[in-house]
Amino acid sequence: MTTPFSPPYRLRLLNDYEVVVAGLRTMLAPYQDRVRIVETDVGTTGHRTADLTLYDTFGLTQADGCEIDEVLRDPEAGHVVIYSWNMQADLIQTALNKGCRGYIDKSMGAGVLVECLEAIGAGEVLVSDTAEIIAPAEAVGVPPTAADPALARGTWPGQAEGLTAREAEIVALITRGLTNAEIATRSYITINSLKSCIRSAYRKMGVERRSQAVRWGMEHGMVPPRREKIAQ
């Protein structure tokens, strides 16, 4: 256990997409007496000292990529926590080996996320799907507004058009120029699963070809404002 910080914990939200960061801010607003957001400068490594940095992997490299290394080197980051849909054991272990203090499943509601952040801020190393602190919303005092599914898990580009979070992330990577093989590797899914997800997304988007999908993505916020090319 590391030296604990003192609540309310100063939290930095880290992602390149404004809609993702805005969704996280809205999602955590009912808990500002427990976690206080001090940095939401999209696409930067931060400017204010934080106790915790929540690294949302949407559109970014996973815990095994170089982007997280840069975050971990930031002396103002505090404890770095991965927030991801990808809960593969090897990714989790890689994150912990690199020095991340937590790995949280994005399917968790806002109340559970805050409970996890508090535990990490207090000095624990925590993986959300194995944590004993995880409990039903009513057991951890979740405010009524945070029990709303629309607020509990944030937002993402393309959500209003019907894309799931997974579909949106894949479309974002297509828009940013990655091949299917690169996307499958990056997302830790098979090529067949990827193609199925792409077909589903294309139906919702009303497109048939990759070039159309790229244009749709550019028109619907799939390219973050501060980064034209994805980090390799």
C-alpha atoms as a PDB file:
ATOM      1  CA  MET A   1       0.000   0.000   0.000  1.00  0.00           C
ATOM      2  CA  THR A   2       1.314   3.469  -0.871  1.00  0.00           C
ATOM      3  CA  THR A   3       0.972   6.640   1.181  1.00  0.00           C
ATOM      4  CA  PRO A   4      -2.717   7.616   1.009  1.00  0.00           C
ATOM      5  CA  PHE A   5      -4.061  10.947  -0.190  1.00  0.00           C
ATOM      6  CA  SER A   6      -6.776  12.840   1.692  1.00  0.00           C
ATOM      7  CA  PRO A   7     -10.402  13.118   0.502  1.00  0.00           C
ATOM      8  CA  PRO A   8     -11.991  14.688  -1.379  1.00  0.00           C
ATOM      9  CA  TYR A   9      -9.593  13.303  -3.946  1.00  0.00           C
ATOM     10  CA  ARG A  10      -8.364  15.562  -6.740  1.00  0.00           C
ATOM     11  CA  LEU A  11      -9.175  13.814 -10.012  1.00  0.00           C
ATOM     12  CA  ARG A  12      -7.813  14.378 -13.506  1.00  0.00           C
ATOM     13  CA  LEU A  13      -9.878  13.047 -16.430  1.00  0.00           C
ATOM     14  CA  LEU A  14      -7.696  12.048 -19.360  1.00  0.00           C
ATOM     15  CA  ASN A  15      -8.990  11.409 -22.890  1.00  0.00           C
ATOM     16  CA  ASP A  16      -8.642  13.078 -26.287  1.00  0.00           C
ATOM     17  CA  TYR A  17     -12.396  13.298 -26.938  1.00  0.00           C
ATOM     18  CA  GLU A  18     -14.316  16.244 -25.484  1.00  0.00           C
ATOM     19  CA  VAL A  19     -17.617  14.326 -25.424  1.00  0.00           C
ATOM     20  CA  VAL A  20     -16.015  11.500 -23.430  1.00  0.00           C
ATOM     21  CA  VAL A  21     -14.543  13.894 -20.860  1.00  0.00           C
ATOM     22  CA  ALA A  22     -17.813  15.844 -20.654  1.00  0.00           C
ATOM     23  CA  GLY A  23     -19.692  12.603 -20.064  1.00  0.00           C
ATOM     24  CA  LEU A  24     -17.349  11.635 -17.249  1.00  0.00           C
ATOM     25  CA  ARG A  25     -17.716  15.059 -15.667  1.00  0.00           C
ATOM     26  CA  THR A  26     -21.524  14.781 -15.751  1.00  0.00           C
ATOM     27  CA  MET A  27     -21.396  11.242 -14.450  1.00  0.00           C
ATOM     28  CA  LEU A  28     -19.242  12.222 -11.461  1.00  0.00           C
ATOM     29  CA  ALA A  29     -20.963  15.534 -10.676  1.00  0.00           C
ATOM     30  CA  PRO A  30     -23.165  14.086  -7.883  1.00  0.00           C
ATOM     31  CA  TYR A  31     -20.019  12.943  -6.065  1.00  0.00           C
ATOM     32  CA  GLN A  32     -18.055  16.197  -6.006  1.00  0.00           C
ATOM     33  CA  ASP A  33     -17.827  16.029  -2.219  1.00  0.00           C
ATOM     34  CA  ARG A  34     -15.829  12.789  -2.646  1.00  0.00           C
ATOM     35  CA  VAL A  35     -13.889  13.301  -5.894  1.00  0.00           C
ATOM     36  CA  ARG A  36     -13.114  16.809  -7.115  1.00  0.00           C
ATOM     37  CA  ILE A  37     -12.259  17.207 -10.799  1.00  0.00           C
ATOM     38  CA  VAL A  38      -9.226  19.469 -11.163  1.00  0.00           C
ATOM     39  CA  GLU A  39      -8.249  18.856 -14.796  1.00  0.00           C
ATOM     40  CA  THR A  40     -10.230  18.163 -17.947  1.00  0.00           C
ATOM     41  CA  ASP A  41      -7.912  19.760 -20.499  1.00  0.00           C
ATOM     42  CA  VAL A  42      -8.607  17.441 -23.413  1.00  0.00           C
ATOM     43  CA  GLY A  43      -5.580  15.892 -25.085  1.00  0.00           C
ATOM     44  CA  THR A  44      -2.931  17.152 -22.669  1.00  0.00           C
ATOM     45  CA  THR A  45      -0.960  15.506 -19.898  1.00  0.00           C
ATOM     46  CA  GLY A  46      -2.377  17.940 -17.384  1.00  0.00           C
ATOM     47  CA  HIS A  47      -1.275  21.085 -15.595  1.00  0.00           C
ATOM     48  CA  ARG A  48      -2.608  20.733 -12.056  1.00  0.00           C
ATOM     49  CA  THR A  49      -1.399  18.286  -9.459  1.00  0.00           C
ATOM     50  CA  ALA A  50      -3.904  15.465  -9.011  1.00  0.00           C
ATOM     51  CA  ASP A  51      -4.281  12.646  -6.530  1.00  0.00           C
ATOM     52  CA  LEU A  52      -5.745  10.399  -9.224  1.00  0.00           C
ATOM     53  CA  THR A  53      -5.676  10.351 -13.025  1.00  0.00           C
ATOM     54  CA  LEU A  54      -8.510   8.427 -14.687  1.00  0.00           C
ATOM     55  CA  TYR A  55      -7.252   7.298 -18.101  1.00  0.00           C
ATOM     56  CA  ASP A  56     -10.268   6.534 -20.302  1.00  0.00           C
ATOM     57  CA  THR A  57      -9.032   4.248 -23.093  1.00  0.00           C
ATOM     58  CA  PHE A  58     -11.675   5.309 -25.665  1.00  0.00           C
ATOM     59  CA  GLY A  59      -9.813   5.960 -28.920  1.00  0.00           C
ATOM     60  CA  LEU A  60      -6.435   5.685 -27.184  1.00  0.00           C
ATOM     61  CA  THR A  61      -3.947   2.867 -26.796  1.00  0.00           C
ATOM     62  CA  GLN A  62      -4.686   0.295 -24.126  1.00  0.00           C
ATOM     63  CA  ALA A  63      -2.593  -0.242 -21.021  1.00  0.00           C
ATOM     64  CA  ASP A  64       0.099  -1.975 -23.065  1.00  0.00           C
ATOM     65  CA  GLY A  65       0.672   1.082 -25.283  1.00  0.00           C
ATOM     66  CA  CYS A  66       3.169   3.923 -25.056  1.00  0.00           C
ATOM     67  CA  GLU A  67       0.599   6.621 -24.219  1.00  0.00           C
ATOM     68  CA  ILE A  68       0.075   5.287 -20.708  1.00  0.00           C
ATOM     69  CA  ASP A  69       3.849   5.349 -20.150  1.00  0.00           C
ATOM     70  CA  GLU A  70       3.835   9.109 -20.743  1.00  0.00           C
ATOM     71  CA  VAL A  71       1.016   9.529 -18.233  1.00  0.00           C
ATOM     72  CA  LEU A  72       2.844   7.448 -15.637  1.00  0.00           C
ATOM     73  CA  ARG A  73       5.951   9.624 -16.040  1.00  0.00           C
ATOM     74  CA  ASP A  74       3.954  12.777 -15.281  1.00  0.00           C
ATOM     75  CA  PRO A  75       4.855  13.812 -11.702  1.00  0.00           C
ATOM     76  CA  GLU A  76       1.502  15.577 -11.352  1.00  0.00           C
ATOM     77  CA  ALA A  77      -0.606  12.532 -12.268  1.00  0.00           C
ATOM     78  CA  GLY A  78      -0.898  10.981  -8.820  1.00  0.00           C
ATOM     79  CA  HIS A  79      -2.191   7.406  -8.903  1.00  0.00           C
ATOM     80  CA  VAL A  80      -2.999   6.404 -12.499  1.00  0.00           C
ATOM     81  CA  VAL A  81      -6.194   4.395 -13.009  1.00  0.00           C
ATOM     82  CA  ILE A  82      -7.167   2.666 -16.271  1.00  0.00           C
ATOM     83  CA  TYR A  83     -10.866   2.954 -17.213  1.00  0.00           C
ATOM     84  CA  SER A  84     -11.660   0.491 -19.991  1.00  0.00           C
ATOM     85  CA  TRP A  85     -14.062  -2.003 -21.567  1.00  0.00           C
ATOM     86  CA  ASN A  86     -11.129  -4.366 -22.128  1.00  0.00           C
ATOM     87  CA  MET A  87     -10.730  -6.463 -18.998  1.00  0.00           C
ATOM     88  CA  GLN A  88      -8.332  -9.086 -20.353  1.00  0.00           C
ATOM     89  CA  ALA A  89      -6.070 -10.496 -17.660  1.00  0.00           C
ATOM     90  CA  ASP A  90      -2.877  -9.746 -19.601  1.00  0.00           C
ATOM     91  CA  LEU A  91      -3.851  -6.089 -20.077  1.00  0.00           C
ATOM     92  CA  ILE A  92      -4.635  -5.736 -16.391  1.00  0.00           C
ATOM     93  CA  GLN A  93      -1.352  -7.332 -15.377  1.00  0.00           C
ATOM     94  CA  THR A  94       0.580  -5.134 -17.816  1.00  0.00           C
ATOM     95  CA  ALA A  95      -1.040  -2.017 -16.362  1.00  0.00           C
ATOM     96  CA  LEU A  96      -0.194  -3.033 -12.811  1.00  0.00           C
ATOM     97  CA  ASN A  97       3.351  -3.999 -13.762  1.00  0.00           C
ATOM     98  CA  LYS A  98       3.862  -0.560 -15.323  1.00  0.00           C
ATOM     99  CA  GLY A  99       2.777   1.142 -12.127  1.00  0.00           C
ATOM    100  CA  CYS A 100      -0.944   1.826 -12.555  1.00  0.00           C
ATOM    101  CA  ARG A 101      -2.777   1.681  -9.231  1.00  0.00           C
ATOM    102  CA  GLY A 102      -6.136   0.580 -10.579  1.00  0.00           C
ATOM    103  CA  TYR A 103      -7.984  -0.967 -13.521  1.00  0.00           C
ATOM    104  CA  ILE A 104     -11.720  -0.276 -13.614  1.00  0.00           C
ATOM    105  CA  ASP A 105     -14.358  -1.865 -15.845  1.00  0.00           C
ATOM    106  CA  LYS A 106     -16.391   0.772 -17.711  1.00  0.00           C
ATOM    107  CA  SER A 107     -19.557  -1.287 -17.235  1.00  0.00           C
ATOM    108  CA  MET A 108     -19.497  -0.275 -13.569  1.00  0.00           C
ATOM    109  CA  GLY A 109     -21.914   2.443 -12.502  1.00  0.00           C
ATOM    110  CA  ALA A 110     -20.874   5.857 -11.246  1.00  0.00           C
ATOM    111  CA  GLY A 111     -21.270   4.962  -7.582  1.00  0.00           C
ATOM    112  CA  VAL A 112     -19.013   1.945  -7.869  1.00  0.00           C
ATOM    113  CA  LEU A 113     -16.468   3.954  -9.874  1.00  0.00           C
ATOM    114  CA  VAL A 114     -16.288   6.507  -7.073  1.00  0.00           C
ATOM    115  CA  GLU A 115     -15.926   3.748  -4.469  1.00  0.00           C
ATOM    116  CA  CYS A 116     -13.029   2.314  -6.467  1.00  0.00           C
ATOM    117  CA  LEU A 117     -11.372   5.714  -6.855  1.00  0.00           C
ATOM    118  CA  GLU A 118     -11.661   6.335  -3.128  1.00  0.00           C
ATOM    119  CA  ALA A 119     -10.038   2.998  -2.340  1.00  0.00           C
ATOM    120  CA  ILE A 120      -7.174   3.733  -4.749  1.00  0.00           C
ATOM    121  CA  GLY A 121      -6.805   7.249  -3.345  1.00  0.00           C
ATOM    122  CA  ALA A 122      -6.513   5.703   0.114  1.00  0.00           C
ATOM    123  CA  GLY A 123      -3.563   3.647  -1.100  1.00  0.00           C
ATOM    124  CA  GLU A 124      -5.069   0.412  -2.388  1.00  0.00           C
ATOM    125  CA  VAL A 125      -4.214  -1.277  -5.689  1.00  0.00           C
ATOM    126  CA  LEU A 126      -7.545  -2.303  -7.155  1.00  0.00           C
ATOM    127  CA  VAL A 127      -9.059  -4.164 -10.114  1.00  0.00           C
ATOM    128  CA  SER A 128     -12.788  -3.455 -10.210  1.00  0.00           C
ATOM    129  CA  ASP A 129     -14.134  -6.855 -11.250  1.00  0.00           C
ATOM    130  CA  THR A 130     -12.372  -8.566  -8.333  1.00  0.00           C
ATOM    131  CA  ALA A 131     -12.774  -5.856  -5.714  1.00  0.00           C
ATOM    132  CA  GLU A 132     -14.683  -6.678  -2.554  1.00  0.00           C
ATOM    133  CA  ILE A 133     -15.903  -3.087  -2.290  1.00  0.00           C
ATOM    134  CA  ILE A 134     -18.180  -3.516  -5.294  1.00  0.00           C
ATOM    135  CA  ALA A 135     -21.804  -3.513  -4.085  1.00  0.00           C
ATOM    136  CA  PRO A 136     -25.320  -2.637  -5.289  1.00  0.00           C
ATOM    137  CA  ALA A 137     -25.979   1.073  -5.763  1.00  0.00           C
ATOM    138  CA  GLU A 138     -28.226   1.316  -2.720  1.00  0.00           C
ATOM    139  CA  ALA A 139     -25.458  -0.111  -0.527  1.00  0.00           C
ATOM    140  CA  VAL A 140     -22.935   2.587  -1.379  1.00  0.00           C
ATOM    141  CA  GLY A 141     -25.190   5.620  -1.165  1.00  0.00           C
ATOM    142  CA  VAL A 142     -25.517   6.479  -4.864  1.00  0.00           C
ATOM    143  CA  PRO A 143     -27.448   9.731  -5.392  1.00  0.00           C
ATOM    144  CA  PRO A 144     -30.690   9.226  -7.380  1.00  0.00           C
ATOM    145  CA  THR A 145     -29.415  11.142 -10.411  1.00  0.00           C
ATOM    146  CA  ALA A 146     -26.402   8.867 -10.713  1.00  0.00           C
ATOM    147  CA  ALA A 147     -28.594   5.764 -10.799  1.00  0.00           C
ATOM    148  CA  ASP A 148     -29.830   6.895 -14.228  1.00  0.00           C
ATOM    149  CA  PRO A 149     -28.078   4.666 -16.821  1.00  0.00           C
ATOM    150  CA  ALA A 150     -27.654   7.694 -19.075  1.00  0.00           C
ATOM    151  CA  LEU A 151     -25.484   9.325 -16.420  1.00  0.00           C
ATOM    152  CA  ALA A 152     -23.910   6.280 -14.833  1.00  0.00           C
ATOM    153  CA  ARG A 153     -21.545   5.276 -17.626  1.00  0.00           C
ATOM    154  CA  GLY A 154     -20.626   8.435 -19.476  1.00  0.00           C
ATOM    155  CA  THR A 155     -20.986   9.308 -23.143  1.00  0.00           C
ATOM    156  CA  TRP A 156     -19.097   8.744 -26.372  1.00  0.00           C
ATOM    157  CA  PRO A 157     -19.074  10.023 -29.978  1.00  0.00           C
ATOM    158  CA  GLY A 158     -21.892   8.474 -32.034  1.00  0.00           C
ATOM    159  CA  GLN A 159     -23.986   7.553 -29.005  1.00  0.00           C
ATOM    160  CA  ALA A 160     -26.863   9.774 -30.121  1.00  0.00           C
ATOM    161  CA  GLU A 161     -26.874   7.961 -33.478  1.00  0.00           C
ATOM    162  CA  GLY A 162     -27.258   4.584 -31.766  1.00  0.00           C
ATOM    163  CA  LEU A 163     -23.683   3.300 -31.690  1.00  0.00           C
ATOM    164  CA  THR A 164     -22.664   1.231 -28.697  1.00  0.00           C
ATOM    165  CA  ALA A 165     -19.484   2.251 -26.905  1.00  0.00           C
ATOM    166  CA  ARG A 166     -17.588  -0.628 -28.528  1.00  0.00           C
ATOM    167  CA  GLU A 167     -18.915   0.241 -32.018  1.00  0.00           C
ATOM    168  CA  ALA A 168     -18.056   3.908 -31.520  1.00  0.00           C
ATOM    169  CA  GLU A 169     -14.512   3.105 -30.484  1.00  0.00           C
ATOM    170  CA  ILE A 170     -14.008   0.924 -33.553  1.00  0.00           C
ATOM    171  CA  VAL A 171     -15.451   3.591 -35.866  1.00  0.00           C
ATOM    172  CA  ALA A 172     -13.127   6.135 -34.228  1.00  0.00           C
ATOM    173  CA  LEU A 173     -10.136   3.930 -35.012  1.00  0.00           C
ATOM    174  CA  ILE A 174     -11.348   3.433 -38.602  1.00  0.00           C
ATOM    175  CA  THR A 175     -11.712   7.201 -38.940  1.00  0.00           C
ATOM    176  CA  ARG A 176      -8.175   7.660 -37.679  1.00  0.00           C
ATOM    177  CA  GLY A 177      -6.786   5.371 -40.366  1.00  0.00           C
ATOM    178  CA  LEU A 178      -6.129   2.023 -38.686  1.00  0.00           C
ATOM    179  CA  THR A 179      -6.541  -1.230 -40.624  1.00  0.00           C
ATOM    180  CA  ASN A 180      -8.816  -4.028 -39.449  1.00  0.00           C
ATOM    181  CA  ALA A 181      -5.815  -6.036 -38.301  1.00  0.00           C
ATOM    182  CA  GLU A 182      -4.492  -3.087 -36.278  1.00  0.00           C
ATOM    183  CA  ILE A 183      -7.915  -2.427 -34.749  1.00  0.00           C
ATOM    184  CA  ALA A 184      -8.409  -6.082 -33.795  1.00  0.00           C
ATOM    185  CA  THR A 185      -5.006  -6.191 -32.127  1.00  0.00           C
ATOM    186  CA  ARG A 186      -5.565  -2.889 -30.362  1.00  0.00           C
ATOM    187  CA  SER A 187      -9.071  -3.843 -29.193  1.00  0.00           C
ATOM    188  CA  TYR A 188      -8.186  -7.415 -28.197  1.00  0.00           C
ATOM    189  CA  ILE A 189     -10.912  -8.990 -30.338  1.00  0.00           C
ATOM    190  CA  THR A 190     -10.847 -11.438 -33.246  1.00  0.00           C
ATOM    191  CA  ILE A 191     -11.092 -10.305 -36.851  1.00  0.00           C
ATOM    192  CA  ASN A 192     -14.477 -12.041 -37.157  1.00  0.00           C
ATOM    193  CA  SER A 193     -15.817 -10.252 -34.081  1.00  0.00           C
ATOM    194  CA  LEU A 194     -14.457  -6.987 -35.426  1.00  0.00           C
ATOM    195  CA  LYS A 195     -16.132  -7.455 -38.810  1.00  0.00           C
ATOM    196  CA  SER A 196     -19.439  -8.245 -37.107  1.00  0.00           C
ATOM    197  CA  CYS A 197     -19.142  -5.082 -35.039  1.00  0.00           C
ATOM    198  CA  ILE A 198     -18.286  -3.020 -38.123  1.00  0.00           C
ATOM    199  CA  ARG A 199     -21.318  -4.368 -40.011  1.00  0.00           C
ATOM    200  CA  SER A 200     -23.582  -3.459 -37.108  1.00  0.00           C
ATOM    201  CA  ALA A 201     -22.096   0.028 -36.869  1.00  0.00           C
ATOM    202  CA  TYR A 202     -22.360   0.609 -40.615  1.00  0.00           C
ATOM    203  CA  ARG A 203     -26.076  -0.258 -40.555  1.00  0.00           C
ATOM    204  CA  LYS A 204     -26.692   2.314 -37.845  1.00  0.00           C
ATOM    205  CA  MET A 205     -24.569   4.896 -39.640  1.00  0.00           C
ATOM    206  CA  GLY A 206     -26.240   4.282 -42.999  1.00  0.00           C
ATOM    207  CA  VAL A 207     -22.950   3.635 -44.817  1.00  0.00           C
ATOM    208  CA  GLU A 208     -21.605   0.735 -46.860  1.00  0.00           C
ATOM    209  CA  ARG A 209     -17.946   1.484 -47.557  1.00  0.00           C
ATOM    210  CA  ARG A 210     -14.968   2.356 -45.407  1.00  0.00           C
ATOM    211  CA  SER A 211     -14.489   5.700 -47.131  1.00  0.00           C
ATOM    212  CA  GLN A 212     -18.086   6.581 -46.247  1.00  0.00           C
ATOM    213  CA  ALA A 213     -17.481   5.486 -42.663  1.00  0.00           C
ATOM    214  CA  VAL A 214     -14.409   7.715 -42.425  1.00  0.00           C
ATOM    215  CA  ARG A 215     -16.381  10.693 -43.675  1.00  0.00           C
ATOM    216  CA  TRP A 216     -19.227   9.907 -41.277  1.00  0.00           C
ATOM    217  CA  GLY A 217     -16.745   9.652 -38.427  1.00  0.00           C
ATOM    218  CA  MET A 218     -15.163  12.997 -39.254  1.00  0.00           C
ATOM    219  CA  GLU A 219     -18.617  14.593 -39.306  1.00  0.00           C
ATOM    220  CA  HIS A 220     -19.614  13.043 -35.972  1.00  0.00           C
ATOM    221  CA  GLY A 221     -16.673  13.851 -33.721  1.00  0.00           C
ATOM    222  CA  MET A 222     -14.636  10.672 -34.168  1.00  0.00           C
ATOM    223  CA  VAL A 223     -11.386  12.610 -34.643  1.00  0.00           C
ATOM    224  CA  PRO A 224     -10.245  14.339 -31.441  1.00  0.00           C
ATOM    225  CA  PRO A 225      -9.571  18.073 -31.850  1.00  0.00           C
ATOM    226  CA  ARG A 226      -5.932  17.950 -30.727  1.00  0.00           C
ATOM    227  CA  ARG A 227      -4.712  14.878 -32.526  1.00  0.00           C
ATOM    228  CA  GLU A 228      -4.964  14.267 -36.276  1.00  0.00           C
ATOM    229  CA  LYS A 229      -2.881  11.088 -36.342  1.00  0.00           C
ATOM    230  CA  ILE A 230      -3.101   8.278 -33.863  1.00  0.00           C
ATOM    231  CA  ALA A 231      -0.031   7.464 -31.786  1.00  0.00           C
ATOM    232  CA  GLN A 232       1.578   4.231 -32.910  1.00  0.00           C
END
